[in-house]
C-alpha atoms as a PDB file:
ATOM      1  CA  UNK A   1     102.175  97.871  89.202  1.00  0.00           C
ATOM      2  CA  UNK A   2      98.426  97.343  89.225  1.00  0.00           C
ATOM      3  CA  UNK A   3      95.799  94.976  87.883  1.00  0.00           C
ATOM      4  CA  UNK A   4      92.207  95.863  87.009  1.00  0.00           C
ATOM      5  CA  UNK A   5      90.222  92.816  88.143  1.00  0.00           C
ATOM      6  CA  UNK A   6      87.005  94.009  86.545  1.00  0.00           C
ATOM      7  CA  UNK A   7      88.593  94.458  83.142  1.00  0.00           C
ATOM      8  CA  UNK A   8      90.777  91.342  83.267  1.00  0.00           C
ATOM      9  CA  UNK A   9      89.291  88.633  85.502  1.00  0.00           C
ATOM     10  CA  UNK A  10      91.709  86.112  86.971  1.00  0.00           C
ATOM     11  CA  UNK A  11      91.363  82.454  86.062  1.00  0.00           C
ATOM     12  CA  UNK A  12      92.258  79.940  88.779  1.00  0.00           C
ATOM     13  CA  UNK A  13      95.561  78.160  88.107  1.00  0.00           C
ATOM     14  CA  UNK A  14      96.188  74.436  88.375  1.00  0.00           C
ATOM     15  CA  UNK A  15      97.787  73.100  91.579  1.00  0.00           C
ATOM     16  CA  UNK A  16     101.570  72.700  91.522  1.00  0.00           C
ATOM     17  CA  UNK A  17     102.300  68.967  91.991  1.00  0.00           C
ATOM     18  CA  UNK A  18     103.940  68.170  95.313  1.00  0.00           C
ATOM     19  CA  UNK A  19     102.878  71.432  96.975  1.00  0.00           C
ATOM     20  CA  UNK A  20      99.798  72.479  98.921  1.00  0.00           C
ATOM     21  CA  UNK A  21      98.361  75.886  99.720  1.00  0.00           C
ATOM     22  CA  UNK A  22      97.442  76.853 103.302  1.00  0.00           C
ATOM     23  CA  UNK A  23      95.313  79.849 104.220  1.00  0.00           C
ATOM     24  CA  UNK A  24      96.596  82.319 106.835  1.00  0.00           C
ATOM     25  CA  UNK A  25      96.874  81.048 110.396  1.00  0.00           C
ATOM     26  CA  UNK A  26      98.451  83.040 113.224  1.00  0.00           C
ATOM     27  CA  UNK A  27     100.264  79.878 114.341  1.00  0.00           C
ATOM     28  CA  UNK A  28     102.223  79.952 111.048  1.00  0.00           C
ATOM     29  CA  UNK A  29     103.746  83.411 111.545  1.00  0.00           C
ATOM     30  CA  UNK A  30     107.254  82.010 112.017  1.00  0.00           C
ATOM     31  CA  UNK A  31     107.016  80.026 108.786  1.00  0.00           C
ATOM     32  CA  UNK A  32     105.915  83.155 106.900  1.00  0.00           C
ATOM     33  CA  UNK A  33     108.875  85.063 108.359  1.00  0.00           C
ATOM     34  CA  UNK A  34     111.309  82.291 107.435  1.00  0.00           C
ATOM     35  CA  UNK A  35     110.041  82.239 103.843  1.00  0.00           C
ATOM     36  CA  UNK A  36     110.282  86.032 103.581  1.00  0.00           C
ATOM     37  CA  UNK A  37     113.827  86.021 104.950  1.00  0.00           C
ATOM     38  CA  UNK A  38     115.027  83.187 102.712  1.00  0.00           C
ATOM     39  CA  UNK A  39     113.398  84.803  99.670  1.00  0.00           C
ATOM     40  CA  UNK A  40     114.906  88.273 100.030  1.00  0.00           C
ATOM     41  CA  UNK A  41     118.033  88.275 102.245  1.00  0.00           C
ATOM     42  CA  UNK A  42     120.372  87.954  99.233  1.00  0.00           C
ATOM     43  CA  UNK A  43     118.224  89.922  96.770  1.00  0.00           C
ATOM     44  CA  UNK A  44     118.561  93.512  95.508  1.00  0.00           C
ATOM     45  CA  UNK A  45     115.346  94.273  97.428  1.00  0.00           C
ATOM     46  CA  UNK A  46     117.298  93.898 100.682  1.00  0.00           C
ATOM     47  CA  UNK A  47     119.436  96.871  99.636  1.00  0.00           C
ATOM     48  CA  UNK A  48     116.270  98.983  99.624  1.00  0.00           C
ATOM     49  CA  UNK A  49     114.334  97.410 102.507  1.00  0.00           C
ATOM     50  CA  UNK A  50     116.677  96.709 105.454  1.00  0.00           C
ATOM     51  CA  UNK A  51     114.054  94.561 107.201  1.00  0.00           C
ATOM     52  CA  UNK A  52     114.645  91.845 104.585  1.00  0.00           C
ATOM     53  CA  UNK A  53     118.234  91.444 105.807  1.00  0.00           C
ATOM     54  CA  UNK A  54     117.406  89.821 109.137  1.00  0.00           C
ATOM     55  CA  UNK A  55     114.986  87.180 110.307  1.00  0.00           C
ATOM     56  CA  UNK A  56     113.801  89.490 113.078  1.00  0.00           C
ATOM     57  CA  UNK A  57     113.066  92.215 110.527  1.00  0.00           C
ATOM     58  CA  UNK A  58     111.006  89.756 108.483  1.00  0.00           C
ATOM     59  CA  UNK A  59     109.128  88.681 111.596  1.00  0.00           C
ATOM     60  CA  UNK A  60     108.229  92.301 112.222  1.00  0.00           C
ATOM     61  CA  UNK A  61     107.028  92.789 108.633  1.00  0.00           C
ATOM     62  CA  UNK A  62     104.792  89.714 108.742  1.00  0.00           C
ATOM     63  CA  UNK A  63     103.355  90.766 112.095  1.00  0.00           C
ATOM     64  CA  UNK A  64     102.826  94.365 110.973  1.00  0.00           C
ATOM     65  CA  UNK A  65     100.762  93.341 107.949  1.00  0.00           C
ATOM     66  CA  UNK A  66      98.865  90.655 109.873  1.00  0.00           C
ATOM     67  CA  UNK A  67      97.976  93.080 112.667  1.00  0.00           C
ATOM     68  CA  UNK A  68      96.662  95.788 110.354  1.00  0.00           C
ATOM     69  CA  UNK A  69      92.935  96.428 110.598  1.00  0.00           C
ATOM     70  CA  UNK A  70      92.595  95.996 106.825  1.00  0.00           C
ATOM     71  CA  UNK A  71      94.545  92.744 106.587  1.00  0.00           C
ATOM     72  CA  UNK A  72      92.870  90.223 104.254  1.00  0.00           C
ATOM     73  CA  UNK A  73      93.390  86.920 106.076  1.00  0.00           C
ATOM     74  CA  UNK A  74      91.111  85.137 103.597  1.00  0.00           C
ATOM     75  CA  UNK A  75      93.424  86.084 100.697  1.00  0.00           C
ATOM     76  CA  UNK A  76      96.770  85.433 102.442  1.00  0.00           C
ATOM     77  CA  UNK A  77      98.443  82.100 101.742  1.00  0.00           C
ATOM     78  CA  UNK A  78     101.497  79.943 102.431  1.00  0.00           C
ATOM     79  CA  UNK A  79     102.606  76.993 100.296  1.00  0.00           C
ATOM     80  CA  UNK A  80     104.300  73.892 101.642  1.00  0.00           C
ATOM     81  CA  UNK A  81     106.173  70.935 100.235  1.00  0.00           C
ATOM     82  CA  UNK A  82     105.429  68.332 102.867  1.00  0.00           C
ATOM     83  CA  UNK A  83     105.925  70.240 106.108  1.00  0.00           C
ATOM     84  CA  UNK A  84     108.413  72.680 104.553  1.00  0.00           C
ATOM     85  CA  UNK A  85     107.167  76.257 103.931  1.00  0.00           C
ATOM     86  CA  UNK A  86     108.196  77.346 100.446  1.00  0.00           C
ATOM     87  CA  UNK A  87     106.300  80.486  99.324  1.00  0.00           C
ATOM     88  CA  UNK A  88     103.950  83.149 100.655  1.00  0.00           C
ATOM     89  CA  UNK A  89     101.748  86.147  99.924  1.00  0.00           C
ATOM     90  CA  UNK A  90     100.101  88.661 102.293  1.00  0.00           C
ATOM     91  CA  UNK A  91      97.276  91.048 101.381  1.00  0.00           C
ATOM     92  CA  UNK A  92      96.320  94.364 102.951  1.00  0.00           C
ATOM     93  CA  UNK A  93      93.673  96.924 101.974  1.00  0.00           C
ATOM     94  CA  UNK A  94      94.390 100.638 101.830  1.00  0.00           C
ATOM     95  CA  UNK A  95      91.667 102.458  99.896  1.00  0.00           C
ATOM     96  CA  UNK A  96      88.021 101.511  99.091  1.00  0.00           C
ATOM     97  CA  UNK A  97      87.874  98.961  96.278  1.00  0.00           C
ATOM     98  CA  UNK A  98      91.645  98.580  96.125  1.00  0.00           C
ATOM     99  CA  UNK A  99      94.125  96.397  98.001  1.00  0.00           C
ATOM    100  CA  UNK A 100      97.901  95.974  97.993  1.00  0.00           C
ATOM    101  CA  UNK A 101      99.769  92.701  97.603  1.00  0.00           C
ATOM    102  CA  UNK A 102     102.560  92.521 100.181  1.00  0.00           C
ATOM    103  CA  UNK A 103     105.435  90.173 100.969  1.00  0.00           C
ATOM    104  CA  UNK A 104     105.283  87.958  97.889  1.00  0.00           C
ATOM    105  CA  UNK A 105     108.187  85.552  98.213  1.00  0.00           C
ATOM    106  CA  UNK A 106     109.361  82.155  96.955  1.00  0.00           C
ATOM    107  CA  UNK A 107     112.356  80.415  98.533  1.00  0.00           C
ATOM    108  CA  UNK A 108     115.129  80.232  95.917  1.00  0.00           C
ATOM    109  CA  UNK A 109     115.324  76.451  95.522  1.00  0.00           C
ATOM    110  CA  UNK A 110     111.576  76.306  94.860  1.00  0.00           C
ATOM    111  CA  UNK A 111     111.465  78.966  92.138  1.00  0.00           C
ATOM    112  CA  UNK A 112     110.545  78.276  88.530  1.00  0.00           C
ATOM    113  CA  UNK A 113     107.787  75.795  89.424  1.00  0.00           C
ATOM    114  CA  UNK A 114     104.793  78.127  89.273  1.00  0.00           C
ATOM    115  CA  UNK A 115     104.350  78.762  93.001  1.00  0.00           C
ATOM    116  CA  UNK A 116     104.324  82.538  92.634  1.00  0.00           C
ATOM    117  CA  UNK A 117     101.707  82.397  89.889  1.00  0.00           C
ATOM    118  CA  UNK A 118      99.616  79.951  91.910  1.00  0.00           C
ATOM    119  CA  UNK A 119      99.620  82.211  94.986  1.00  0.00           C
ATOM    120  CA  UNK A 120      98.804  85.307  92.945  1.00  0.00           C
ATOM    121  CA  UNK A 121      95.957  83.486  91.228  1.00  0.00           C
ATOM    122  CA  UNK A 122      94.578  82.168  94.506  1.00  0.00           C
ATOM    123  CA  UNK A 123      94.751  85.551  96.258  1.00  0.00           C
ATOM    124  CA  UNK A 124      93.351  87.642  93.406  1.00  0.00           C
ATOM    125  CA  UNK A 125      90.546  85.134  92.807  1.00  0.00           C
ATOM    126  CA  UNK A 126      89.409  85.642  96.413  1.00  0.00           C
ATOM    127  CA  UNK A 127      89.599  89.424  96.018  1.00  0.00           C
ATOM    128  CA  UNK A 128      87.695  89.302  92.744  1.00  0.00           C
ATOM    129  CA  UNK A 129      84.923  87.277  94.408  1.00  0.00           C
ATOM    130  CA  UNK A 130      84.613  89.996  97.044  1.00  0.00           C
ATOM    131  CA  UNK A 131      84.132  92.690  94.409  1.00  0.00           C
ATOM    132  CA  UNK A 132      87.565  94.298  94.631  1.00  0.00           C
ATOM    133  CA  UNK A 133      88.213  96.178  91.408  1.00  0.00           C
ATOM    134  CA  UNK A 134      91.947  96.842  91.562  1.00  0.00           C
ATOM    135  CA  UNK A 135      95.074  95.378  93.158  1.00  0.00           C
ATOM    136  CA  UNK A 136      98.511  96.965  93.405  1.00  0.00           C
ATOM    137  CA  UNK A 137     102.017  95.834  94.302  1.00  0.00           C
ATOM    138  CA  UNK A 138     105.551  97.214  94.410  1.00  0.00           C
ATOM    139  CA  UNK A 139     108.484  95.563  92.648  1.00  0.00           C
ATOM    140  CA  UNK A 140     112.015  96.691  91.847  1.00  0.00           C
ATOM    141  CA  UNK A 141     112.534  97.193  88.117  1.00  0.00           C
ATOM    142  CA  UNK A 142     115.659  95.026  88.020  1.00  0.00           C
ATOM    143  CA  UNK A 143     113.770  92.022  89.374  1.00  0.00           C
ATOM    144  CA  UNK A 144     113.055  90.831  85.861  1.00  0.00           C
ATOM    145  CA  UNK A 145     111.616  87.433  86.819  1.00  0.00           C
ATOM    146  CA  UNK A 146     108.985  89.014  89.062  1.00  0.00           C
ATOM    147  CA  UNK A 147     108.194  91.815  86.607  1.00  0.00           C
ATOM    148  CA  UNK A 148     107.769  89.241  83.831  1.00  0.00           C
ATOM    149  CA  UNK A 149     105.371  87.200  85.957  1.00  0.00           C
ATOM    150  CA  UNK A 150     103.255  90.230  86.852  1.00  0.00           C
ATOM    151  CA  UNK A 151     103.096  91.426  83.249  1.00  0.00           C
ATOM    152  CA  UNK A 152     102.055  87.958  82.056  1.00  0.00           C
ATOM    153  CA  UNK A 153      99.111  88.124  84.471  1.00  0.00           C
ATOM    154  CA  UNK A 154      97.978  91.521  83.177  1.00  0.00           C
ATOM    155  CA  UNK A 155      99.661  93.906  85.630  1.00  0.00           C
ATOM    156  CA  UNK A 156     100.730  97.250  84.186  1.00  0.00           C
ATOM    157  CA  UNK A 157     103.047  99.957  85.499  1.00  0.00           C
ATOM    158  CA  UNK A 158     101.095 102.515  87.517  1.00  0.00           C
ATOM    159  CA  UNK A 159     103.849 104.599  89.135  1.00  0.00           C
ATOM    160  CA  UNK A 160     107.622 104.788  89.297  1.00  0.00           C
ATOM    161  CA  UNK A 161     109.464 106.127  92.312  1.00  0.00           C
ATOM    162  CA  UNK A 162     112.882 105.896  93.861  1.00  0.00           C
ATOM    163  CA  UNK A 163     113.780 104.564  97.293  1.00  0.00           C
ATOM    164  CA  UNK A 164     117.086 105.378  98.982  1.00  0.00           C
ATOM    165  CA  UNK A 165     119.863 102.798  98.852  1.00  0.00           C
ATOM    166  CA  UNK A 166     120.809 101.584 102.329  1.00  0.00           C
ATOM    167  CA  UNK A 167     124.314  99.986 102.460  1.00  0.00           C
ATOM    168  CA  UNK A 168     124.389  96.417 103.740  1.00  0.00           C
ATOM    169  CA  UNK A 169     126.195  95.993 107.054  1.00  0.00           C
ATOM    170  CA  UNK A 170     129.434  93.914 106.922  1.00  0.00           C
ATOM    171  CA  UNK A 171     128.107  91.540 109.575  1.00  0.00           C
ATOM    172  CA  UNK A 172     125.104  90.593 107.441  1.00  0.00           C
ATOM    173  CA  UNK A 173     123.243  87.648 108.954  1.00  0.00           C
ATOM    174  CA  UNK A 174     123.335  84.609 106.679  1.00  0.00           C
ATOM    175  CA  UNK A 175     120.216  82.560 105.896  1.00  0.00           C
ATOM    176  CA  UNK A 176     119.421  79.732 108.279  1.00  0.00           C
ATOM    177  CA  UNK A 177     117.534  76.557 107.301  1.00  0.00           C
ATOM    178  CA  UNK A 178     113.772  76.855 107.343  1.00  0.00           C
ATOM    179  CA  UNK A 179     112.142  74.804 110.059  1.00  0.00           C
ATOM    180  CA  UNK A 180     108.421  74.164 110.183  1.00  0.00           C
ATOM    181  CA  UNK A 181     106.399  74.856 113.296  1.00  0.00           C
ATOM    182  CA  UNK A 182     103.235  73.497 111.682  1.00  0.00           C
ATOM    183  CA  UNK A 183     103.803  70.119 110.050  1.00  0.00           C
ATOM    184  CA  UNK A 184     100.136  69.458 109.346  1.00  0.00           C
ATOM    185  CA  UNK A 185      98.886  72.733 107.917  1.00  0.00           C
ATOM    186  CA  UNK A 186      96.117  72.001 105.421  1.00  0.00           C
ATOM    187  CA  UNK A 187      93.347  73.853 103.694  1.00  0.00           C
ATOM    188  CA  UNK A 188      91.187  75.702 106.197  1.00  0.00           C
ATOM    189  CA  UNK A 189      87.504  76.504 105.829  1.00  0.00           C
ATOM    190  CA  UNK A 190      86.018  79.545 107.506  1.00  0.00           C
ATOM    191  CA  UNK A 191      82.331  78.983 108.237  1.00  0.00           C
ATOM    192  CA  UNK A 192      81.630  82.196 110.117  1.00  0.00           C
ATOM    193  CA  UNK A 193      80.342  85.558 108.819  1.00  0.00           C
ATOM    194  CA  UNK A 194      81.725  86.658 105.457  1.00  0.00           C
ATOM    195  CA  UNK A 195      84.347  89.055 106.741  1.00  0.00           C
ATOM    196  CA  UNK A 196      87.221  89.266 104.323  1.00  0.00           C
ATOM    197  CA  UNK A 197      89.520  91.278 106.531  1.00  0.00           C
ATOM    198  CA  UNK A 198      91.394  90.105 109.622  1.00  0.00           C
ATOM    199  CA  UNK A 199      88.934  87.776 111.307  1.00  0.00           C
ATOM    200  CA  UNK A 200      90.292  88.649 114.746  1.00  0.00           C
ATOM    201  CA  UNK A 201      89.032  92.196 114.273  1.00  0.00           C
ATOM    202  CA  UNK A 202      85.435  93.077 115.046  1.00  0.00           C
ATOM    203  CA  UNK A 203      83.205  95.337 113.000  1.00  0.00           C
ATOM    204  CA  UNK A 204      85.265  95.512 109.789  1.00  0.00           C
ATOM    205  CA  UNK A 205      82.953  94.454 107.009  1.00  0.00           C
ATOM    206  CA  UNK A 206      84.090  93.365 103.573  1.00  0.00           C
ATOM    207  CA  UNK A 207      82.802  95.108 100.443  1.00  0.00           C
ATOM    208  CA  UNK A 208      79.817  93.506  98.775  1.00  0.00           C
ATOM    209  CA  UNK A 209      80.599  91.263  95.765  1.00  0.00           C
ATOM    210  CA  UNK A 210      79.888  92.660  92.329  1.00  0.00           C
ATOM    211  CA  UNK A 211      76.526  91.656  90.860  1.00  0.00           C
END
């Protein structure tokens, strides 16, 4: 699915009471992985993407996106309830003027409260400010809750394609409780050069904002 940010600008959503949004920090990698694992281990998506079935696989996914040269750290967020990580979104660029939303997950017991919408609004608002014209994401068609959310925000179907079904191993690892490694993660302000991609990378400049 894709969203044309120039045709349909995103309006910032209201904060979800009791939760706070934290911008990407490398120290929070484990919390991102825990959220991803808890969000998808029992979902139909895990039948398509084996990495979702194990915590180690989720760690690798989070690290892979975060280490990419076109990773948008300024548009990647984690939400917390107290010190508990509850939802996440990661952003990575792929073609000029277009980026892909990756690893959008909300832990099951925190769903239905607007966290997914809040993260999408926060991330796409940042991208819109940087002049990005289009964002894309992948979602399984039978994930009706997610599809409904994306459609309500203006996303439309761009492509349909099939991925092979990978049988789940009998010894499937069960979810473990999320533990926080960063109890005091708060809003972070970046006062350096306006580089929208991974700030640990040198020489990757962000596109100029639209006039």
